[in-house]
Amino acid sequence: MSKNVLIIGAGGFVGGFIADEALRRGYTVTAGIRESTSRRYLADSRIRFLILDYENPEQMAEAIAGAVPEGDAYRLVYNLGATKCTNFADFNRINYQYLRNVVEALRMARRIPGRLLYMSSLSALGPGDERTYAPLTGKTIPAPDTRYGVSKIKAETFLETCSDIPWTIFRPTGVYGPHEQDYLMMIRSIDRHWDFGVGLRRQMLTFIYVKDLAAAVFDALDTDRTLRRKYIISEPRSYTQAEFRRIAARILRRRLVIPVRVPIWMLYLVLAVAEKIGVIRSKPSTLNRDKFRIMRQRNWNCSVDEAVADFGFAPRYDLVAGLTETVAAYRESLGEEASR
């Protein structure tokens, strides 16, 4: 039987890798995107495209009914979301209301998937214990302290009320890889011999390479043990800022990198100003007060034991291997820019 997957929110950084992994596993791939979405990372000719208006459940119902099979003969990966917005209303609309609209459209079209995987975030849980540095786990009670995290936990809670939707929820930690922009800022800075850190207290960071996240999506969808369960997705170890700096500097071949520690209060002022500028320009800034709450968090330790037990989660990339590929893509992009 043919395997079909509809990827909603396929046009972004993670979505492109999910589509590639689906093709590698023999799926017929339909990419659900907006009319205005770039197809830069969806270049494979085998990908089918489905234009969706996330504000309009009726339009989506008609489009989905004509694109995916009836019954439970397909999988749906819901990767749509915003990580930065100028206000909470936008986070709420994109990360929560759009999910409600898609579910309404699925019901109207009578196209409930055999499985739905929702891409949430570790930020939905809120700050970890910064006294003992105990890891976040599946039993951690969510207490998000960012607008982004609140919108994600609202979406999760909504899915839990949908008895007709066979869902699985992923809560990935920081996702990095080729084309991702936030960690690229750190790589660029280290390439220029500077490493900017926040605060003086120890910070433990966790990462997941995008290819490992994409592989985990389909490993989880292939087993019923993950049905209506939530999973933290991360490389199963943490790193200090100094370890990240040393690894990146070695890959970039930068012998001298100067670490600079920015006080918490100074970071807040800089990010608050950047956010206001973004509001004035009507363009969300990567540097904002939501980002401040994320950057000041000291403990990103987390446990992936449940994912290991239920679907054999085993990342192939540690930070060294993942950054090696990421830096290679970064160098290639510099060469492309130089040749223009």
C-alpha atoms as a PDB file:
ATOM      1  CA  MET A   1       0.000   0.000   0.000  1.00  0.00           C
ATOM      2  CA  SER A   2       1.241   3.459  -0.899  1.00  0.00           C
ATOM      3  CA  LYS A   3       2.476   5.559   2.000  1.00  0.00           C
ATOM      4  CA  ASN A   4       1.279   9.159   2.005  1.00  0.00           C
ATOM      5  CA  VAL A   5       2.255  12.086   4.222  1.00  0.00           C
ATOM      6  CA  LEU A   6       0.898  15.611   4.317  1.00  0.00           C
ATOM      7  CA  ILE A   7       3.391  18.059   5.845  1.00  0.00           C
ATOM      8  CA  ILE A   8       1.667  21.236   6.972  1.00  0.00           C
ATOM      9  CA  GLY A   9       4.194  24.028   7.352  1.00  0.00           C
ATOM     10  CA  ALA A  10       6.641  22.369   4.989  1.00  0.00           C
ATOM     11  CA  GLY A  11       8.306  25.507   3.672  1.00  0.00           C
ATOM     12  CA  GLY A  12      10.520  26.330   6.639  1.00  0.00           C
ATOM     13  CA  PHE A  13      13.905  25.135   7.850  1.00  0.00           C
ATOM     14  CA  VAL A  14      12.671  21.965   9.593  1.00  0.00           C
ATOM     15  CA  GLY A  15       9.904  21.268   7.084  1.00  0.00           C
ATOM     16  CA  GLY A  16      12.312  20.861   4.200  1.00  0.00           C
ATOM     17  CA  PHE A  17      14.267  18.192   6.050  1.00  0.00           C
ATOM     18  CA  ILE A  18      11.059  16.381   7.050  1.00  0.00           C
ATOM     19  CA  ALA A  19      10.060  16.284   3.381  1.00  0.00           C
ATOM     20  CA  ASP A  20      13.498  14.932   2.377  1.00  0.00           C
ATOM     21  CA  GLU A  21      13.323  12.212   5.037  1.00  0.00           C
ATOM     22  CA  ALA A  22       9.812  11.231   3.943  1.00  0.00           C
ATOM     23  CA  LEU A  23      10.959  10.853   0.336  1.00  0.00           C
ATOM     24  CA  ARG A  24      13.927   8.798   1.471  1.00  0.00           C
ATOM     25  CA  ARG A  25      11.527   6.423   3.234  1.00  0.00           C
ATOM     26  CA  GLY A  26       9.335   5.991   0.199  1.00  0.00           C
ATOM     27  CA  TYR A  27       6.441   8.283   1.086  1.00  0.00           C
ATOM     28  CA  THR A  28       4.352  10.181  -1.406  1.00  0.00           C
ATOM     29  CA  VAL A  29       4.885  13.704  -0.061  1.00  0.00           C
ATOM     30  CA  THR A  30       2.380  16.539  -0.151  1.00  0.00           C
ATOM     31  CA  ALA A  31       3.693  19.862   1.135  1.00  0.00           C
ATOM     32  CA  GLY A  32       1.028  22.083   2.658  1.00  0.00           C
ATOM     33  CA  ILE A  33       2.134  25.701   2.250  1.00  0.00           C
ATOM     34  CA  ARG A  34       0.806  29.221   1.874  1.00  0.00           C
ATOM     35  CA  GLU A  35       0.599  30.790  -1.569  1.00  0.00           C
ATOM     36  CA  SER A  36       3.465  33.117  -0.584  1.00  0.00           C
ATOM     37  CA  THR A  37       5.724  30.432   0.926  1.00  0.00           C
ATOM     38  CA  SER A  38       9.178  30.032  -0.585  1.00  0.00           C
ATOM     39  CA  ARG A  39       9.866  26.614  -2.120  1.00  0.00           C
ATOM     40  CA  ARG A  40      13.607  27.006  -1.844  1.00  0.00           C
ATOM     41  CA  TYR A  41      14.015  23.955   0.410  1.00  0.00           C
ATOM     42  CA  LEU A  42      11.343  21.925  -1.396  1.00  0.00           C
ATOM     43  CA  ALA A  43      13.101  21.555  -4.730  1.00  0.00           C
ATOM     44  CA  ASP A  44      12.620  17.800  -5.251  1.00  0.00           C
ATOM     45  CA  SER A  45      10.340  17.261  -8.246  1.00  0.00           C
ATOM     46  CA  ARG A  46       8.538  14.408  -6.468  1.00  0.00           C
ATOM     47  CA  ILE A  47       6.991  16.781  -3.915  1.00  0.00           C
ATOM     48  CA  ARG A  48       3.362  17.706  -4.492  1.00  0.00           C
ATOM     49  CA  PHE A  49       2.167  21.105  -3.317  1.00  0.00           C
ATOM     50  CA  LEU A  50      -1.070  21.998  -1.593  1.00  0.00           C
ATOM     51  CA  ILE A  51      -1.900  25.679  -1.153  1.00  0.00           C
ATOM     52  CA  LEU A  52      -3.643  26.310   2.165  1.00  0.00           C
ATOM     53  CA  ASP A  53      -5.224  29.411   3.667  1.00  0.00           C
ATOM     54  CA  TYR A  54      -4.838  28.847   7.391  1.00  0.00           C
ATOM     55  CA  GLU A  55      -7.438  31.510   8.129  1.00  0.00           C
ATOM     56  CA  ASN A  56     -10.068  29.658   6.097  1.00  0.00           C
ATOM     57  CA  PRO A  57     -11.121  26.131   7.220  1.00  0.00           C
ATOM     58  CA  GLU A  58     -13.537  25.791   4.283  1.00  0.00           C
ATOM     59  CA  GLN A  59     -10.799  26.419   1.715  1.00  0.00           C
ATOM     60  CA  MET A  60      -8.463  24.007   3.498  1.00  0.00           C
ATOM     61  CA  ALA A  61     -11.153  21.317   3.706  1.00  0.00           C
ATOM     62  CA  GLU A  62     -11.736  21.447  -0.047  1.00  0.00           C
ATOM     63  CA  ALA A  63      -8.012  21.429  -0.799  1.00  0.00           C
ATOM     64  CA  ILE A  64      -7.209  18.576   1.592  1.00  0.00           C
ATOM     65  CA  ALA A  65     -10.150  16.447   0.362  1.00  0.00           C
ATOM     66  CA  GLY A  66      -8.699  16.535  -3.133  1.00  0.00           C
ATOM     67  CA  ALA A  67      -5.102  15.848  -2.072  1.00  0.00           C
ATOM     68  CA  VAL A  68      -5.037  12.986   0.432  1.00  0.00           C
ATOM     69  CA  PRO A  69      -6.791   9.589   0.539  1.00  0.00           C
ATOM     70  CA  GLU A  70      -9.875   8.851   2.597  1.00  0.00           C
ATOM     71  CA  GLY A  71      -9.780   6.910   5.834  1.00  0.00           C
ATOM     72  CA  ASP A  72      -6.570   6.606   7.814  1.00  0.00           C
ATOM     73  CA  ALA A  73      -4.333   5.886   4.821  1.00  0.00           C
ATOM     74  CA  TYR A  74      -2.038   8.830   5.347  1.00  0.00           C
ATOM     75  CA  ARG A  75       0.114  10.526   7.958  1.00  0.00           C
ATOM     76  CA  LEU A  76       0.052  14.213   8.826  1.00  0.00           C
ATOM     77  CA  VAL A  77       3.055  16.102  10.202  1.00  0.00           C
ATOM     78  CA  TYR A  78       1.991  19.460  11.619  1.00  0.00           C
ATOM     79  CA  ASN A  79       5.101  21.624  11.528  1.00  0.00           C
ATOM     80  CA  LEU A  80       3.434  25.016  11.127  1.00  0.00           C
ATOM     81  CA  GLY A  81       4.412  27.651  13.688  1.00  0.00           C
ATOM     82  CA  ALA A  82       6.052  30.965  14.444  1.00  0.00           C
ATOM     83  CA  THR A  83       9.069  31.321  16.737  1.00  0.00           C
ATOM     84  CA  LYS A  84       9.072  35.116  16.738  1.00  0.00           C
ATOM     85  CA  CYS A  85       6.196  37.598  16.583  1.00  0.00           C
ATOM     86  CA  THR A  86       5.679  41.228  17.500  1.00  0.00           C
ATOM     87  CA  ASN A  87       2.925  40.397  20.021  1.00  0.00           C
ATOM     88  CA  PHE A  88       1.160  37.524  21.769  1.00  0.00           C
ATOM     89  CA  ALA A  89      -1.911  37.847  19.552  1.00  0.00           C
ATOM     90  CA  ASP A  90       0.203  36.765  16.576  1.00  0.00           C
ATOM     91  CA  PHE A  91       1.715  33.842  18.493  1.00  0.00           C
ATOM     92  CA  ASN A  92      -1.777  32.791  19.545  1.00  0.00           C
ATOM     93  CA  ARG A  93      -3.169  33.070  16.022  1.00  0.00           C
ATOM     94  CA  ILE A  94      -0.357  31.214  14.264  1.00  0.00           C
ATOM     95  CA  ASN A  95       0.621  28.605  16.854  1.00  0.00           C
ATOM     96  CA  TYR A  96      -2.799  27.888  18.324  1.00  0.00           C
ATOM     97  CA  GLN A  97      -5.732  29.110  16.215  1.00  0.00           C
ATOM     98  CA  TYR A  98      -4.286  27.813  12.949  1.00  0.00           C
ATOM     99  CA  LEU A  99      -4.071  24.327  14.465  1.00  0.00           C
ATOM    100  CA  ARG A 100      -7.733  24.561  15.472  1.00  0.00           C
ATOM    101  CA  ASN A 101      -8.597  25.650  11.940  1.00  0.00           C
ATOM    102  CA  VAL A 102      -6.693  22.750  10.387  1.00  0.00           C
ATOM    103  CA  VAL A 103      -8.403  20.225  12.663  1.00  0.00           C
ATOM    104  CA  GLU A 104     -11.777  21.742  11.744  1.00  0.00           C
ATOM    105  CA  ALA A 105     -10.849  21.423   8.064  1.00  0.00           C
ATOM    106  CA  LEU A 106      -9.846  17.761   8.500  1.00  0.00           C
ATOM    107  CA  ARG A 107     -13.213  17.022  10.058  1.00  0.00           C
ATOM    108  CA  MET A 108     -15.123  18.908   7.371  1.00  0.00           C
ATOM    109  CA  ALA A 109     -13.217  17.044   4.645  1.00  0.00           C
ATOM    110  CA  ARG A 110     -13.532  13.702   6.450  1.00  0.00           C
ATOM    111  CA  ARG A 111      -9.803  13.275   6.158  1.00  0.00           C
ATOM    112  CA  ILE A 112      -8.709  12.458   9.721  1.00  0.00           C
ATOM    113  CA  PRO A 113      -5.170  11.058   9.336  1.00  0.00           C
ATOM    114  CA  GLY A 114      -4.094   7.650  10.543  1.00  0.00           C
ATOM    115  CA  ARG A 115      -1.565   9.517  12.693  1.00  0.00           C
ATOM    116  CA  LEU A 116      -0.807  13.189  13.339  1.00  0.00           C
ATOM    117  CA  LEU A 117       2.515  14.364  14.724  1.00  0.00           C
ATOM    118  CA  TYR A 118       2.487  17.860  16.168  1.00  0.00           C
ATOM    119  CA  MET A 119       5.785  19.738  16.425  1.00  0.00           C
ATOM    120  CA  SER A 120       5.757  21.626  19.719  1.00  0.00           C
ATOM    121  CA  SER A 121       8.839  22.831  21.626  1.00  0.00           C
ATOM    122  CA  LEU A 122      10.793  22.258  24.824  1.00  0.00           C
ATOM    123  CA  SER A 123       9.869  25.883  25.615  1.00  0.00           C
ATOM    124  CA  ALA A 124       6.333  24.632  26.290  1.00  0.00           C
ATOM    125  CA  LEU A 125       7.645  23.258  29.592  1.00  0.00           C
ATOM    126  CA  GLY A 126       9.236  26.511  30.756  1.00  0.00           C
ATOM    127  CA  PRO A 127      12.485  26.934  32.710  1.00  0.00           C
ATOM    128  CA  GLY A 128      14.260  23.940  34.179  1.00  0.00           C
ATOM    129  CA  ASP A 129      15.517  23.693  37.775  1.00  0.00           C
ATOM    130  CA  GLU A 130      18.415  26.142  37.933  1.00  0.00           C
ATOM    131  CA  ARG A 131      19.508  25.087  41.422  1.00  0.00           C
ATOM    132  CA  THR A 132      20.097  21.357  40.904  1.00  0.00           C
ATOM    133  CA  TYR A 133      20.166  21.384  37.068  1.00  0.00           C
ATOM    134  CA  ALA A 134      17.854  18.358  37.103  1.00  0.00           C
ATOM    135  CA  PRO A 135      16.688  17.454  33.584  1.00  0.00           C
ATOM    136  CA  LEU A 136      13.268  18.285  32.182  1.00  0.00           C
ATOM    137  CA  THR A 137      11.278  15.072  31.678  1.00  0.00           C
ATOM    138  CA  GLY A 138       7.927  13.887  30.409  1.00  0.00           C
ATOM    139  CA  LYS A 139       6.611  14.262  33.957  1.00  0.00           C
ATOM    140  CA  THR A 140       7.616  17.928  34.236  1.00  0.00           C
ATOM    141  CA  ILE A 141       4.554  20.114  34.812  1.00  0.00           C
ATOM    142  CA  PRO A 142       4.483  22.767  32.061  1.00  0.00           C
ATOM    143  CA  ALA A 143       5.058  26.331  33.265  1.00  0.00           C
ATOM    144  CA  PRO A 144       6.096  28.297  30.151  1.00  0.00           C
ATOM    145  CA  ASP A 145       7.436  31.805  30.766  1.00  0.00           C
ATOM    146  CA  THR A 146       7.506  32.977  27.135  1.00  0.00           C
ATOM    147  CA  ARG A 147       4.719  34.023  24.782  1.00  0.00           C
ATOM    148  CA  TYR A 148       5.979  31.403  22.360  1.00  0.00           C
ATOM    149  CA  GLY A 149       5.887  28.661  24.992  1.00  0.00           C
ATOM    150  CA  VAL A 150       2.389  29.625  26.138  1.00  0.00           C
ATOM    151  CA  SER A 151       1.060  29.442  22.573  1.00  0.00           C
ATOM    152  CA  LYS A 152       2.613  25.993  22.155  1.00  0.00           C
ATOM    153  CA  ILE A 153       1.141  24.594  25.374  1.00  0.00           C
ATOM    154  CA  LYS A 154      -2.268  25.954  24.345  1.00  0.00           C
ATOM    155  CA  ALA A 155      -1.976  24.031  21.079  1.00  0.00           C
ATOM    156  CA  GLU A 156      -0.930  20.868  22.914  1.00  0.00           C
ATOM    157  CA  THR A 157      -3.858  21.176  25.300  1.00  0.00           C
ATOM    158  CA  PHE A 158      -6.269  21.607  22.404  1.00  0.00           C
ATOM    159  CA  LEU A 159      -4.995  18.425  20.751  1.00  0.00           C
ATOM    160  CA  GLU A 160      -5.509  16.523  23.994  1.00  0.00           C
ATOM    161  CA  THR A 161      -9.225  17.388  23.782  1.00  0.00           C
ATOM    162  CA  CYS A 162      -9.512  15.911  20.266  1.00  0.00           C
ATOM    163  CA  SER A 163     -10.584  12.325  20.897  1.00  0.00           C
ATOM    164  CA  ASP A 164     -10.884  11.677  17.149  1.00  0.00           C
ATOM    165  CA  ILE A 165      -7.303  12.744  16.353  1.00  0.00           C
ATOM    166  CA  PRO A 166      -4.594  10.057  16.840  1.00  0.00           C
ATOM    167  CA  TRP A 167      -1.858  12.506  17.859  1.00  0.00           C
ATOM    168  CA  THR A 168       1.751  12.369  18.980  1.00  0.00           C
ATOM    169  CA  ILE A 169       3.544  15.472  20.266  1.00  0.00           C
ATOM    170  CA  PHE A 170       7.256  16.251  19.926  1.00  0.00           C
ATOM    171  CA  ARG A 171       8.962  18.809  22.166  1.00  0.00           C
ATOM    172  CA  PRO A 172      12.345  19.325  20.515  1.00  0.00           C
ATOM    173  CA  THR A 173      15.080  21.335  22.185  1.00  0.00           C
ATOM    174  CA  GLY A 174      17.160  23.785  20.112  1.00  0.00           C
ATOM    175  CA  VAL A 175      17.106  22.573  16.507  1.00  0.00           C
ATOM    176  CA  TYR A 176      20.131  23.453  14.384  1.00  0.00           C
ATOM    177  CA  GLY A 177      21.493  22.616  10.973  1.00  0.00           C
ATOM    178  CA  PRO A 178      21.979  24.059   7.485  1.00  0.00           C
ATOM    179  CA  HIS A 179      19.759  27.087   6.755  1.00  0.00           C
ATOM    180  CA  GLU A 180      18.738  27.673  10.409  1.00  0.00           C
ATOM    181  CA  GLN A 181      19.261  31.322  11.356  1.00  0.00           C
ATOM    182  CA  ASP A 182      19.502  31.656  15.164  1.00  0.00           C
ATOM    183  CA  TYR A 183      22.456  29.301  15.650  1.00  0.00           C
ATOM    184  CA  LEU A 184      23.944  30.655  12.446  1.00  0.00           C
ATOM    185  CA  MET A 185      24.305  33.981  14.285  1.00  0.00           C
ATOM    186  CA  MET A 186      26.460  32.201  16.887  1.00  0.00           C
ATOM    187  CA  ILE A 187      28.540  30.488  14.213  1.00  0.00           C
ATOM    188  CA  ARG A 188      29.106  33.753  12.356  1.00  0.00           C
ATOM    189  CA  SER A 189      30.176  35.449  15.562  1.00  0.00           C
ATOM    190  CA  ILE A 190      32.683  32.712  16.406  1.00  0.00           C
ATOM    191  CA  ASP A 191      33.938  32.799  12.813  1.00  0.00           C
ATOM    192  CA  ARG A 192      34.723  36.477  13.464  1.00  0.00           C
ATOM    193  CA  HIS A 193      36.612  35.517  16.661  1.00  0.00           C
ATOM    194  CA  TRP A 194      33.907  36.550  19.155  1.00  0.00           C
ATOM    195  CA  ASP A 195      31.641  34.419  21.346  1.00  0.00           C
ATOM    196  CA  PHE A 196      28.915  36.306  23.169  1.00  0.00           C
ATOM    197  CA  GLY A 197      27.418  34.610  26.210  1.00  0.00           C
ATOM    198  CA  VAL A 198      24.738  35.713  28.668  1.00  0.00           C
ATOM    199  CA  GLY A 199      25.177  35.977  32.416  1.00  0.00           C
ATOM    200  CA  LEU A 200      27.895  34.681  34.684  1.00  0.00           C
ATOM    201  CA  ARG A 201      26.229  31.523  36.005  1.00  0.00           C
ATOM    202  CA  ARG A 202      26.772  28.168  34.333  1.00  0.00           C
ATOM    203  CA  GLN A 203      24.411  27.465  31.457  1.00  0.00           C
ATOM    204  CA  MET A 204      23.719  23.951  30.179  1.00  0.00           C
ATOM    205  CA  LEU A 205      22.584  23.797  26.556  1.00  0.00           C
ATOM    206  CA  THR A 206      20.963  20.968  24.610  1.00  0.00           C
ATOM    207  CA  PHE A 207      20.660  20.499  20.855  1.00  0.00           C
ATOM    208  CA  ILE A 208      19.107  18.285  18.217  1.00  0.00           C
ATOM    209  CA  TYR A 209      20.430  18.157  14.674  1.00  0.00           C
ATOM    210  CA  VAL A 210      17.649  18.681  12.152  1.00  0.00           C
ATOM    211  CA  LYS A 211      18.243  15.395  10.315  1.00  0.00           C
ATOM    212  CA  ASP A 212      17.890  13.459  13.565  1.00  0.00           C
ATOM    213  CA  LEU A 213      14.645  15.285  14.324  1.00  0.00           C
ATOM    214  CA  ALA A 214      13.253  14.469  10.869  1.00  0.00           C
ATOM    215  CA  ALA A 215      14.197  10.792  11.245  1.00  0.00           C
ATOM    216  CA  ALA A 216      12.570  10.670  14.688  1.00  0.00           C
ATOM    217  CA  VAL A 217       9.297  11.977  13.221  1.00  0.00           C
ATOM    218  CA  PHE A 218       8.854   8.896  11.037  1.00  0.00           C
ATOM    219  CA  ASP A 219      10.239   6.465  13.607  1.00  0.00           C
ATOM    220  CA  ALA A 220       7.522   7.697  15.976  1.00  0.00           C
ATOM    221  CA  LEU A 221       4.774   7.564  13.353  1.00  0.00           C
ATOM    222  CA  ASP A 222       5.644   3.954  12.549  1.00  0.00           C
ATOM    223  CA  THR A 223       4.628   2.583  15.961  1.00  0.00           C
ATOM    224  CA  ASP A 224       1.379   2.682  17.923  1.00  0.00           C
ATOM    225  CA  ARG A 225       3.355   2.889  21.174  1.00  0.00           C
ATOM    226  CA  THR A 226       3.628   6.643  20.607  1.00  0.00           C
ATOM    227  CA  LEU A 227      -0.125   7.200  20.244  1.00  0.00           C
ATOM    228  CA  ARG A 228      -1.339  10.164  22.347  1.00  0.00           C
ATOM    229  CA  ARG A 229       2.033  10.583  24.002  1.00  0.00           C
ATOM    230  CA  LYS A 230       4.480  13.484  24.251  1.00  0.00           C
ATOM    231  CA  TYR A 231       8.242  13.258  23.780  1.00  0.00           C
ATOM    232  CA  ILE A 232      11.237  15.462  24.453  1.00  0.00           C
ATOM    233  CA  ILE A 233      13.608  15.247  21.484  1.00  0.00           C
ATOM    234  CA  SER A 234      17.287  16.084  22.045  1.00  0.00           C
ATOM    235  CA  GLU A 235      20.772  14.746  21.731  1.00  0.00           C
ATOM    236  CA  PRO A 236      21.027  12.839  25.030  1.00  0.00           C
ATOM    237  CA  ARG A 237      23.658  15.087  26.595  1.00  0.00           C
ATOM    238  CA  SER A 238      24.158  18.763  27.351  1.00  0.00           C
ATOM    239  CA  TYR A 239      26.975  21.232  26.621  1.00  0.00           C
ATOM    240  CA  THR A 240      28.293  24.350  28.278  1.00  0.00           C
ATOM    241  CA  GLN A 241      28.708  27.537  26.269  1.00  0.00           C
ATOM    242  CA  ALA A 242      32.482  27.021  26.437  1.00  0.00           C
ATOM    243  CA  GLU A 243      32.140  23.515  24.949  1.00  0.00           C
ATOM    244  CA  PHE A 244      29.987  24.830  22.115  1.00  0.00           C
ATOM    245  CA  ARG A 245      32.568  27.565  21.467  1.00  0.00           C
ATOM    246  CA  ARG A 246      35.489  25.133  21.403  1.00  0.00           C
ATOM    247  CA  ILE A 247      33.721  22.722  19.040  1.00  0.00           C
ATOM    248  CA  ALA A 248      32.579  25.461  16.655  1.00  0.00           C
ATOM    249  CA  ALA A 249      35.983  27.188  16.703  1.00  0.00           C
ATOM    250  CA  ARG A 250      37.780  23.933  15.897  1.00  0.00           C
ATOM    251  CA  ILE A 251      35.465  23.224  12.950  1.00  0.00           C
ATOM    252  CA  LEU A 252      35.761  26.836  11.739  1.00  0.00           C
ATOM    253  CA  ARG A 253      39.563  26.654  12.222  1.00  0.00           C
ATOM    254  CA  ARG A 254      39.585  29.711  14.442  1.00  0.00           C
ATOM    255  CA  ARG A 255      42.406  29.446  16.971  1.00  0.00           C
ATOM    256  CA  LEU A 256      41.531  32.666  18.750  1.00  0.00           C
ATOM    257  CA  VAL A 257      37.958  33.255  19.890  1.00  0.00           C
ATOM    258  CA  ILE A 258      37.340  35.837  22.604  1.00  0.00           C
ATOM    259  CA  PRO A 259      34.503  34.990  25.011  1.00  0.00           C
ATOM    260  CA  VAL A 260      32.406  37.990  26.054  1.00  0.00           C
ATOM    261  CA  ARG A 261      29.904  37.742  28.887  1.00  0.00           C
ATOM    262  CA  VAL A 262      26.966  40.139  28.618  1.00  0.00           C
ATOM    263  CA  PRO A 263      25.191  40.953  31.909  1.00  0.00           C
ATOM    264  CA  ILE A 264      21.539  39.879  32.045  1.00  0.00           C
ATOM    265  CA  TRP A 265      20.298  43.453  32.482  1.00  0.00           C
ATOM    266  CA  MET A 266      22.262  44.680  29.469  1.00  0.00           C
ATOM    267  CA  LEU A 267      20.917  41.861  27.307  1.00  0.00           C
ATOM    268  CA  TYR A 268      17.380  42.815  28.294  1.00  0.00           C
ATOM    269  CA  LEU A 269      17.908  46.426  27.229  1.00  0.00           C
ATOM    270  CA  VAL A 270      19.411  45.441  23.871  1.00  0.00           C
ATOM    271  CA  LEU A 271      16.659  42.928  23.069  1.00  0.00           C
ATOM    272  CA  ALA A 272      13.874  45.275  24.209  1.00  0.00           C
ATOM    273  CA  VAL A 273      15.177  47.984  21.861  1.00  0.00           C
ATOM    274  CA  ALA A 274      15.530  45.477  18.998  1.00  0.00           C
ATOM    275  CA  GLU A 275      11.957  44.339  19.578  1.00  0.00           C
ATOM    276  CA  LYS A 276      10.634  47.906  19.493  1.00  0.00           C
ATOM    277  CA  ILE A 277      12.476  48.534  16.230  1.00  0.00           C
ATOM    278  CA  GLY A 278      10.845  45.395  14.831  1.00  0.00           C
ATOM    279  CA  VAL A 279       7.416  46.670  15.866  1.00  0.00           C
ATOM    280  CA  ILE A 280       8.061  50.028  14.210  1.00  0.00           C
ATOM    281  CA  ARG A 281       9.132  48.248  11.019  1.00  0.00           C
ATOM    282  CA  SER A 282       6.210  45.787  11.308  1.00  0.00           C
ATOM    283  CA  LYS A 283       8.748  42.974  11.079  1.00  0.00           C
ATOM    284  CA  PRO A 284       9.361  40.515  13.959  1.00  0.00           C
ATOM    285  CA  SER A 285      12.930  40.680  15.257  1.00  0.00           C
ATOM    286  CA  THR A 286      14.992  37.588  16.071  1.00  0.00           C
ATOM    287  CA  LEU A 287      16.196  39.592  19.079  1.00  0.00           C
ATOM    288  CA  ASN A 288      13.217  40.261  21.352  1.00  0.00           C
ATOM    289  CA  ARG A 289      12.091  39.974  24.962  1.00  0.00           C
ATOM    290  CA  ASP A 290      10.769  36.467  24.429  1.00  0.00           C
ATOM    291  CA  LYS A 291      14.248  35.559  23.252  1.00  0.00           C
ATOM    292  CA  PHE A 292      15.628  37.187  26.400  1.00  0.00           C
ATOM    293  CA  ARG A 293      13.698  34.765  28.610  1.00  0.00           C
ATOM    294  CA  ILE A 294      15.022  31.864  26.562  1.00  0.00           C
ATOM    295  CA  MET A 295      18.625  33.096  26.592  1.00  0.00           C
ATOM    296  CA  ARG A 296      18.686  33.771  30.336  1.00  0.00           C
ATOM    297  CA  GLN A 297      17.507  30.228  31.097  1.00  0.00           C
ATOM    298  CA  ARG A 298      20.401  28.364  32.672  1.00  0.00           C
ATOM    299  CA  ASN A 299      19.217  24.772  32.533  1.00  0.00           C
ATOM    300  CA  TRP A 300      18.209  23.113  29.262  1.00  0.00           C
ATOM    301  CA  ASN A 301      19.083  19.627  30.473  1.00  0.00           C
ATOM    302  CA  CYS A 302      16.405  17.149  29.407  1.00  0.00           C
ATOM    303  CA  SER A 303      15.697  13.432  29.365  1.00  0.00           C
ATOM    304  CA  VAL A 304      14.826  11.479  26.211  1.00  0.00           C
ATOM    305  CA  ASP A 305      14.348   8.145  27.987  1.00  0.00           C
ATOM    306  CA  GLU A 306      10.684   7.841  26.957  1.00  0.00           C
ATOM    307  CA  ALA A 307      11.500   8.359  23.275  1.00  0.00           C
ATOM    308  CA  VAL A 308      14.267   5.765  23.512  1.00  0.00           C
ATOM    309  CA  ALA A 309      11.930   3.251  25.156  1.00  0.00           C
ATOM    310  CA  ASP A 310       8.905   3.781  22.898  1.00  0.00           C
ATOM    311  CA  PHE A 311      10.373   4.124  19.407  1.00  0.00           C
ATOM    312  CA  GLY A 312      14.101   3.495  19.729  1.00  0.00           C
ATOM    313  CA  PHE A 313      15.152   7.128  19.448  1.00  0.00           C
ATOM    314  CA  ALA A 314      18.897   7.177  18.797  1.00  0.00           C
ATOM    315  CA  PRO A 315      20.372  10.358  17.276  1.00  0.00           C
ATOM    316  CA  ARG A 316      23.130   9.681  14.759  1.00  0.00           C
ATOM    317  CA  TYR A 317      24.663  13.156  15.090  1.00  0.00           C
ATOM    318  CA  ASP A 318      26.404  14.544  18.130  1.00  0.00           C
ATOM    319  CA  LEU A 319      27.204  18.259  18.237  1.00  0.00           C
ATOM    320  CA  VAL A 320      30.563  17.771  16.522  1.00  0.00           C
ATOM    321  CA  ALA A 321      29.079  15.912  13.553  1.00  0.00           C
ATOM    322  CA  GLY A 322      26.080  18.210  13.286  1.00  0.00           C
ATOM    323  CA  LEU A 323      28.095  21.406  13.444  1.00  0.00           C
ATOM    324  CA  THR A 324      30.545  20.020  10.879  1.00  0.00           C
ATOM    325  CA  GLU A 325      27.737  19.738   8.320  1.00  0.00           C
ATOM    326  CA  THR A 326      26.232  23.053   9.403  1.00  0.00           C
ATOM    327  CA  VAL A 327      29.523  24.907   9.044  1.00  0.00           C
ATOM    328  CA  ALA A 328      30.117  23.292   5.642  1.00  0.00           C
ATOM    329  CA  ALA A 329      26.751  24.663   4.479  1.00  0.00           C
ATOM    330  CA  TYR A 330      27.620  28.047   5.987  1.00  0.00           C
ATOM    331  CA  ARG A 331      30.937  28.119   4.104  1.00  0.00           C
ATOM    332  CA  GLU A 332      29.175  27.124   0.900  1.00  0.00           C
ATOM    333  CA  SER A 333      26.673  29.967   1.322  1.00  0.00           C
ATOM    334  CA  LEU A 334      29.549  32.423   1.781  1.00  0.00           C
ATOM    335  CA  GLY A 335      31.022  31.199  -1.486  1.00  0.00           C
ATOM    336  CA  GLU A 336      27.702  31.655  -3.253  1.00  0.00           C
ATOM    337  CA  GLU A 337      27.389  35.204  -1.902  1.00  0.00           C
ATOM    338  CA  ALA A 338      30.934  36.033  -3.007  1.00  0.00           C
ATOM    339  CA  SER A 339      30.239  34.785  -6.537  1.00  0.00           C
ATOM    340  CA  ARG A 340      27.142  36.967  -7.046  1.00  0.00           C
END
